[in-house]
Amino acid sequence: MQIASLGETVSRSLDGLVLRQQVIAQNIANLNTPGYTPLRVDFESALQGAEGAGPRILPDRRPAIAPGAAGSAAELSHQVSQLADTTLRYQTLIKGINKQLAIMQLAISDGRR
C-alpha cells in the first residue's frame, strides 16, 4: 500500500474505468462466441477497502480482470448497461477534474479573468 494524492486516486480510478470499458467491449465482441466466459473488472472494492485503511492509502496493484460469475452469459443488454454506467462514471470524474483546474486557474490569476 502507498499513500496517494487525490490526483493519483482519480488517475487510478480513470485507469480502472478505461480497463473496464475495454473488457466490456471484448465481452460484446465475443457475445456469440461458443464457450466464451465474460470478464469483469472490479476496482471499486479495492478503493473502498483503502478508504478504511487511512487517508488516501491505495493498493499497489492495478485493477484485475476476472471471469464473470460461473455460468453467466454475456447478454448484450447487460453489457450495454455496464458500458453506459462506466462511461457516466468516467465523465463525472473528468468534470470534477475540470472544475478543480478552473478553480486553480482562478486562484492563480487572483480572480481576474
N, C-alpha and C. Protein backbone atom coordinates (compact mmCIF):
# COMPACT_ATOMS: atom_id res chain seq x y z
N MET A 1 0.84 -1.17 0.00
CA MET A 1 0.00 0.00 0.00
C MET A 1 0.89 1.24 0.00
N GLN A 2 0.34 2.29 -0.61
CA GLN A 2 1.08 3.54 -0.62
C GLN A 2 0.14 4.70 -0.37
N ILE A 3 0.68 5.79 0.17
CA ILE A 3 -0.11 6.99 0.38
C ILE A 3 -0.18 7.72 -0.96
N ALA A 4 -1.38 8.11 -1.35
CA ALA A 4 -1.57 8.73 -2.65
C ALA A 4 -2.28 10.06 -2.51
N SER A 5 -1.98 10.94 -3.45
CA SER A 5 -2.69 12.21 -3.50
C SER A 5 -4.07 11.99 -4.12
N LEU A 6 -4.91 12.97 -3.98
CA LEU A 6 -6.24 12.89 -4.58
C LEU A 6 -6.12 12.72 -6.09
N GLY A 7 -5.14 13.41 -6.69
CA GLY A 7 -4.92 13.29 -8.13
C GLY A 7 -4.57 11.88 -8.54
N GLU A 8 -3.76 11.20 -7.74
CA GLU A 8 -3.39 9.83 -8.06
C GLU A 8 -4.58 8.89 -7.90
N THR A 9 -5.41 9.15 -6.90
CA THR A 9 -6.62 8.35 -6.71
C THR A 9 -7.54 8.49 -7.91
N VAL A 10 -7.73 9.70 -8.37
CA VAL A 10 -8.58 9.94 -9.54
C VAL A 10 -7.95 9.29 -10.77
N SER A 11 -6.65 9.42 -10.91
CA SER A 11 -5.96 8.82 -12.06
C SER A 11 -6.12 7.31 -12.08
N ARG A 12 -5.98 6.67 -10.94
CA ARG A 12 -6.17 5.22 -10.88
C ARG A 12 -7.62 4.84 -11.16
N SER A 13 -8.54 5.67 -10.70
CA SER A 13 -9.95 5.41 -10.99
C SER A 13 -10.23 5.51 -12.48
N LEU A 14 -9.67 6.52 -13.13
CA LEU A 14 -9.84 6.66 -14.58
C LEU A 14 -9.22 5.47 -15.31
N ASP A 15 -8.04 5.04 -14.88
CA ASP A 15 -7.39 3.86 -15.49
C ASP A 15 -8.27 2.63 -15.35
N GLY A 16 -8.85 2.45 -14.17
CA GLY A 16 -9.73 1.30 -13.95
C GLY A 16 -10.97 1.36 -14.82
N LEU A 17 -11.52 2.55 -15.00
CA LEU A 17 -12.70 2.70 -15.85
C LEU A 17 -12.38 2.44 -17.32
N VAL A 18 -11.20 2.88 -17.76
CA VAL A 18 -10.78 2.60 -19.14
C VAL A 18 -10.62 1.10 -19.34
N LEU A 19 -9.99 0.44 -18.38
CA LEU A 19 -9.83 -1.01 -18.47
C LEU A 19 -11.18 -1.70 -18.51
N ARG A 20 -12.12 -1.23 -17.69
CA ARG A 20 -13.46 -1.81 -17.69
C ARG A 20 -14.13 -1.62 -19.05
N GLN A 21 -13.98 -0.45 -19.66
CA GLN A 21 -14.57 -0.22 -20.98
C GLN A 21 -13.99 -1.19 -22.01
N GLN A 22 -12.69 -1.44 -21.94
CA GLN A 22 -12.04 -2.37 -22.86
C GLN A 22 -12.57 -3.79 -22.66
N VAL A 23 -12.74 -4.20 -21.42
CA VAL A 23 -13.24 -5.55 -21.12
C VAL A 23 -14.69 -5.69 -21.59
N ILE A 24 -15.51 -4.67 -21.37
CA ILE A 24 -16.89 -4.73 -21.83
C ILE A 24 -16.94 -4.82 -23.35
N ALA A 25 -16.10 -4.05 -24.03
CA ALA A 25 -16.04 -4.12 -25.50
C ALA A 25 -15.66 -5.53 -25.95
N GLN A 26 -14.73 -6.16 -25.24
CA GLN A 26 -14.34 -7.54 -25.56
C GLN A 26 -15.51 -8.49 -25.33
N ASN A 27 -16.24 -8.29 -24.23
CA ASN A 27 -17.41 -9.13 -23.95
C ASN A 27 -18.45 -8.99 -25.06
N ILE A 28 -18.69 -7.77 -25.51
CA ILE A 28 -19.67 -7.55 -26.57
C ILE A 28 -19.19 -8.18 -27.87
N ALA A 29 -17.91 -8.03 -28.17
CA ALA A 29 -17.35 -8.60 -29.40
C ALA A 29 -17.45 -10.12 -29.41
N ASN A 30 -17.38 -10.75 -28.25
CA ASN A 30 -17.42 -12.22 -28.16
C ASN A 30 -18.78 -12.74 -27.73
N LEU A 31 -19.80 -11.93 -27.87
CA LEU A 31 -21.14 -12.28 -27.42
C LEU A 31 -21.62 -13.62 -27.98
N ASN A 32 -21.32 -13.89 -29.23
CA ASN A 32 -21.80 -15.12 -29.87
C ASN A 32 -20.72 -16.19 -29.99
N THR A 33 -19.61 -16.01 -29.29
CA THR A 33 -18.54 -17.00 -29.33
C THR A 33 -18.88 -18.15 -28.38
N PRO A 34 -18.98 -19.37 -28.92
CA PRO A 34 -19.31 -20.52 -28.06
C PRO A 34 -18.25 -20.72 -26.97
N GLY A 35 -18.71 -20.92 -25.75
CA GLY A 35 -17.81 -21.20 -24.63
C GLY A 35 -17.12 -19.98 -24.04
N TYR A 36 -17.40 -18.80 -24.57
CA TYR A 36 -16.75 -17.60 -24.04
C TYR A 36 -17.33 -17.25 -22.68
N THR A 37 -16.47 -17.00 -21.72
CA THR A 37 -16.89 -16.55 -20.39
C THR A 37 -16.64 -15.05 -20.30
N PRO A 38 -17.69 -14.27 -20.08
CA PRO A 38 -17.48 -12.82 -19.99
C PRO A 38 -16.56 -12.47 -18.83
N LEU A 39 -15.84 -11.37 -19.00
CA LEU A 39 -14.90 -10.92 -17.98
C LEU A 39 -15.48 -9.70 -17.28
N ARG A 40 -14.89 -9.35 -16.14
CA ARG A 40 -15.31 -8.17 -15.41
C ARG A 40 -14.09 -7.54 -14.75
N VAL A 41 -14.21 -6.26 -14.44
CA VAL A 41 -13.16 -5.52 -13.74
C VAL A 41 -13.80 -4.91 -12.50
N ASP A 42 -13.24 -5.20 -11.33
CA ASP A 42 -13.74 -4.63 -10.09
C ASP A 42 -12.59 -3.96 -9.37
N PHE A 43 -12.54 -2.64 -9.44
CA PHE A 43 -11.50 -1.91 -8.73
C PHE A 43 -12.09 -1.05 -7.61
N GLU A 44 -13.40 -0.84 -7.64
CA GLU A 44 -14.03 -0.01 -6.60
C GLU A 44 -13.87 -0.63 -5.22
N SER A 45 -13.95 -1.95 -5.13
CA SER A 45 -13.82 -2.58 -3.81
C SER A 45 -12.43 -2.36 -3.23
N ALA A 46 -11.40 -2.35 -4.09
CA ALA A 46 -10.05 -2.07 -3.62
C ALA A 46 -9.93 -0.63 -3.14
N LEU A 47 -10.57 0.30 -3.86
CA LEU A 47 -10.54 1.69 -3.44
C LEU A 47 -11.31 1.89 -2.14
N GLN A 48 -12.47 1.22 -2.01
CA GLN A 48 -13.25 1.34 -0.79
C GLN A 48 -12.52 0.73 0.40
N GLY A 49 -11.86 -0.39 0.18
CA GLY A 49 -11.07 -1.01 1.25
C GLY A 49 -9.93 -0.12 1.68
N ALA A 50 -9.37 0.61 0.72
CA ALA A 50 -8.27 1.52 1.04
C ALA A 50 -8.75 2.70 1.87
N GLU A 51 -10.01 3.12 1.68
CA GLU A 51 -10.55 4.24 2.45
C GLU A 51 -10.50 3.97 3.95
N GLY A 52 -10.84 2.75 4.35
CA GLY A 52 -10.85 2.41 5.76
C GLY A 52 -9.46 2.25 6.34
N ALA A 53 -8.45 2.08 5.48
CA ALA A 53 -7.09 1.86 5.95
C ALA A 53 -6.39 3.14 6.37
N GLY A 54 -6.95 4.26 6.03
CA GLY A 54 -6.32 5.53 6.38
C GLY A 54 -6.49 6.53 5.25
N PRO A 55 -5.98 7.73 5.44
CA PRO A 55 -6.17 8.76 4.42
C PRO A 55 -5.42 8.44 3.13
N ARG A 56 -6.18 8.30 2.08
CA ARG A 56 -5.63 8.12 0.74
C ARG A 56 -4.59 7.02 0.63
N ILE A 57 -4.87 5.86 1.16
CA ILE A 57 -3.99 4.71 1.01
C ILE A 57 -4.51 3.89 -0.17
N LEU A 58 -3.66 3.65 -1.14
CA LEU A 58 -4.05 2.88 -2.32
C LEU A 58 -3.27 1.59 -2.40
N PRO A 59 -3.90 0.53 -2.88
CA PRO A 59 -3.14 -0.69 -3.11
C PRO A 59 -2.15 -0.47 -4.25
N ASP A 60 -1.05 -1.19 -4.23
CA ASP A 60 -0.01 -1.02 -5.25
C ASP A 60 -0.36 -1.71 -6.56
N ARG A 61 -1.36 -2.57 -6.55
CA ARG A 61 -1.64 -3.32 -7.77
C ARG A 61 -2.68 -2.63 -8.64
N ARG A 62 -2.64 -3.00 -9.93
CA ARG A 62 -3.61 -2.49 -10.90
C ARG A 62 -4.92 -3.25 -10.77
N PRO A 63 -6.00 -2.71 -11.32
CA PRO A 63 -7.27 -3.45 -11.29
C PRO A 63 -7.11 -4.79 -12.01
N ALA A 64 -7.75 -5.80 -11.50
CA ALA A 64 -7.63 -7.14 -12.08
C ALA A 64 -8.81 -7.45 -12.98
N ILE A 65 -8.53 -8.21 -14.02
CA ILE A 65 -9.58 -8.72 -14.88
C ILE A 65 -9.89 -10.13 -14.39
N ALA A 66 -11.17 -10.38 -14.11
CA ALA A 66 -11.57 -11.67 -13.57
C ALA A 66 -12.73 -12.22 -14.38
N PRO A 67 -12.89 -13.53 -14.40
CA PRO A 67 -14.07 -14.07 -15.07
C PRO A 67 -15.34 -13.65 -14.35
N GLY A 68 -16.42 -13.53 -15.11
CA GLY A 68 -17.71 -13.20 -14.51
C GLY A 68 -18.22 -14.37 -13.70
N ALA A 69 -19.39 -14.24 -13.17
CA ALA A 69 -19.98 -15.30 -12.37
C ALA A 69 -20.09 -16.58 -13.19
N ALA A 70 -19.89 -17.71 -12.53
CA ALA A 70 -19.94 -19.00 -13.21
C ALA A 70 -21.28 -19.18 -13.89
N GLY A 71 -21.22 -19.57 -15.15
CA GLY A 71 -22.43 -19.85 -15.90
C GLY A 71 -23.15 -18.61 -16.40
N SER A 72 -22.56 -17.43 -16.20
CA SER A 72 -23.24 -16.22 -16.67
C SER A 72 -23.02 -16.05 -18.17
N ALA A 73 -24.03 -15.58 -18.83
CA ALA A 73 -23.93 -15.34 -20.27
C ALA A 73 -23.74 -13.85 -20.49
N ALA A 74 -22.97 -13.51 -21.50
CA ALA A 74 -22.71 -12.11 -21.80
C ALA A 74 -23.89 -11.56 -22.59
N GLU A 75 -24.94 -11.21 -21.90
CA GLU A 75 -26.12 -10.67 -22.55
C GLU A 75 -25.84 -9.25 -22.99
N LEU A 76 -26.26 -8.94 -24.21
CA LEU A 76 -25.98 -7.63 -24.78
C LEU A 76 -26.55 -6.50 -23.93
N SER A 77 -27.77 -6.63 -23.47
CA SER A 77 -28.39 -5.55 -22.68
C SER A 77 -27.61 -5.29 -21.39
N HIS A 78 -27.13 -6.35 -20.75
CA HIS A 78 -26.35 -6.19 -19.52
C HIS A 78 -25.03 -5.49 -19.82
N GLN A 79 -24.36 -5.92 -20.88
CA GLN A 79 -23.07 -5.33 -21.24
C GLN A 79 -23.23 -3.86 -21.62
N VAL A 80 -24.28 -3.54 -22.36
CA VAL A 80 -24.51 -2.16 -22.77
C VAL A 80 -24.82 -1.28 -21.55
N SER A 81 -25.59 -1.80 -20.60
CA SER A 81 -25.88 -1.01 -19.39
C SER A 81 -24.61 -0.81 -18.56
N GLN A 82 -23.75 -1.83 -18.50
CA GLN A 82 -22.48 -1.69 -17.79
C GLN A 82 -21.59 -0.65 -18.48
N LEU A 83 -21.60 -0.65 -19.81
CA LEU A 83 -20.82 0.32 -20.57
C LEU A 83 -21.33 1.74 -20.32
N ALA A 84 -22.64 1.91 -20.30
CA ALA A 84 -23.22 3.23 -20.04
C ALA A 84 -22.86 3.71 -18.64
N ASP A 85 -22.94 2.83 -17.65
CA ASP A 85 -22.58 3.17 -16.28
C ASP A 85 -21.11 3.58 -16.17
N THR A 86 -20.25 2.81 -16.83
CA THR A 86 -18.81 3.10 -16.80
C THR A 86 -18.52 4.44 -17.47
N THR A 87 -19.16 4.71 -18.59
CA THR A 87 -18.97 5.96 -19.30
C THR A 87 -19.42 7.14 -18.44
N LEU A 88 -20.55 7.00 -17.76
CA LEU A 88 -21.05 8.06 -16.89
C LEU A 88 -20.08 8.33 -15.74
N ARG A 89 -19.54 7.28 -15.15
CA ARG A 89 -18.57 7.45 -14.06
C ARG A 89 -17.31 8.18 -14.57
N TYR A 90 -16.84 7.80 -15.76
CA TYR A 90 -15.65 8.41 -16.35
C TYR A 90 -15.90 9.90 -16.59
N GLN A 91 -17.04 10.22 -17.20
CA GLN A 91 -17.36 11.61 -17.49
C GLN A 91 -17.49 12.43 -16.21
N THR A 92 -18.03 11.84 -15.16
CA THR A 92 -18.18 12.54 -13.89
C THR A 92 -16.81 12.88 -13.30
N LEU A 93 -15.88 11.94 -13.35
CA LEU A 93 -14.53 12.21 -12.84
C LEU A 93 -13.85 13.31 -13.66
N ILE A 94 -14.01 13.27 -14.97
CA ILE A 94 -13.39 14.28 -15.83
C ILE A 94 -13.98 15.66 -15.53
N LYS A 95 -15.29 15.75 -15.34
CA LYS A 95 -15.92 17.03 -15.00
C LYS A 95 -15.38 17.55 -13.68
N GLY A 96 -15.19 16.67 -12.70
CA GLY A 96 -14.64 17.08 -11.42
C GLY A 96 -13.22 17.62 -11.56
N ILE A 97 -12.42 16.96 -12.38
CA ILE A 97 -11.05 17.43 -12.62
C ILE A 97 -11.07 18.79 -13.28
N ASN A 98 -11.94 18.96 -14.28
CA ASN A 98 -12.03 20.24 -14.98
C ASN A 98 -12.45 21.37 -14.03
N LYS A 99 -13.37 21.09 -13.12
CA LYS A 99 -13.79 22.12 -12.16
C LYS A 99 -12.64 22.48 -11.21
N GLN A 100 -11.90 21.46 -10.78
CA GLN A 100 -10.77 21.71 -9.90
C GLN A 100 -9.71 22.54 -10.61
N LEU A 101 -9.46 22.24 -11.87
CA LEU A 101 -8.49 23.02 -12.65
C LEU A 101 -8.96 24.46 -12.85
N ALA A 102 -10.25 24.65 -13.06
CA ALA A 102 -10.79 26.01 -13.22
C ALA A 102 -10.62 26.81 -11.93
N ILE A 103 -10.84 26.17 -10.79
CA ILE A 103 -10.65 26.85 -9.50
C ILE A 103 -9.18 27.21 -9.31
N MET A 104 -8.29 26.29 -9.66
CA MET A 104 -6.86 26.56 -9.53
C MET A 104 -6.44 27.71 -10.46
N GLN A 105 -6.99 27.72 -11.68
CA GLN A 105 -6.68 28.80 -12.63
C GLN A 105 -7.17 30.14 -12.08
N LEU A 106 -8.34 30.15 -11.47
CA LEU A 106 -8.89 31.36 -10.89
C LEU A 106 -8.00 31.85 -9.74
N ALA A 107 -7.52 30.94 -8.94
CA ALA A 107 -6.64 31.30 -7.82
C ALA A 107 -5.31 31.86 -8.33
N ILE A 108 -4.79 31.25 -9.37
CA ILE A 108 -3.51 31.70 -9.95
C ILE A 108 -3.64 33.11 -10.52
N SER A 109 -4.78 33.39 -11.14
CA SER A 109 -4.97 34.70 -11.77
C SER A 109 -5.54 35.73 -10.79
N ASP A 110 -5.57 35.43 -9.51
CA ASP A 110 -6.09 36.32 -8.46
C ASP A 110 -7.52 36.75 -8.74
N GLY A 111 -8.30 35.89 -9.34
CA GLY A 111 -9.70 36.18 -9.58
C GLY A 111 -9.94 37.01 -10.82
N ARG A 112 -8.87 37.41 -11.51
CA ARG A 112 -9.04 38.20 -12.75
C ARG A 112 -9.32 37.23 -13.90
N ARG A 113 -10.13 37.68 -14.80
CA ARG A 113 -10.42 36.84 -15.98
C ARG A 113 -9.84 37.44 -17.21
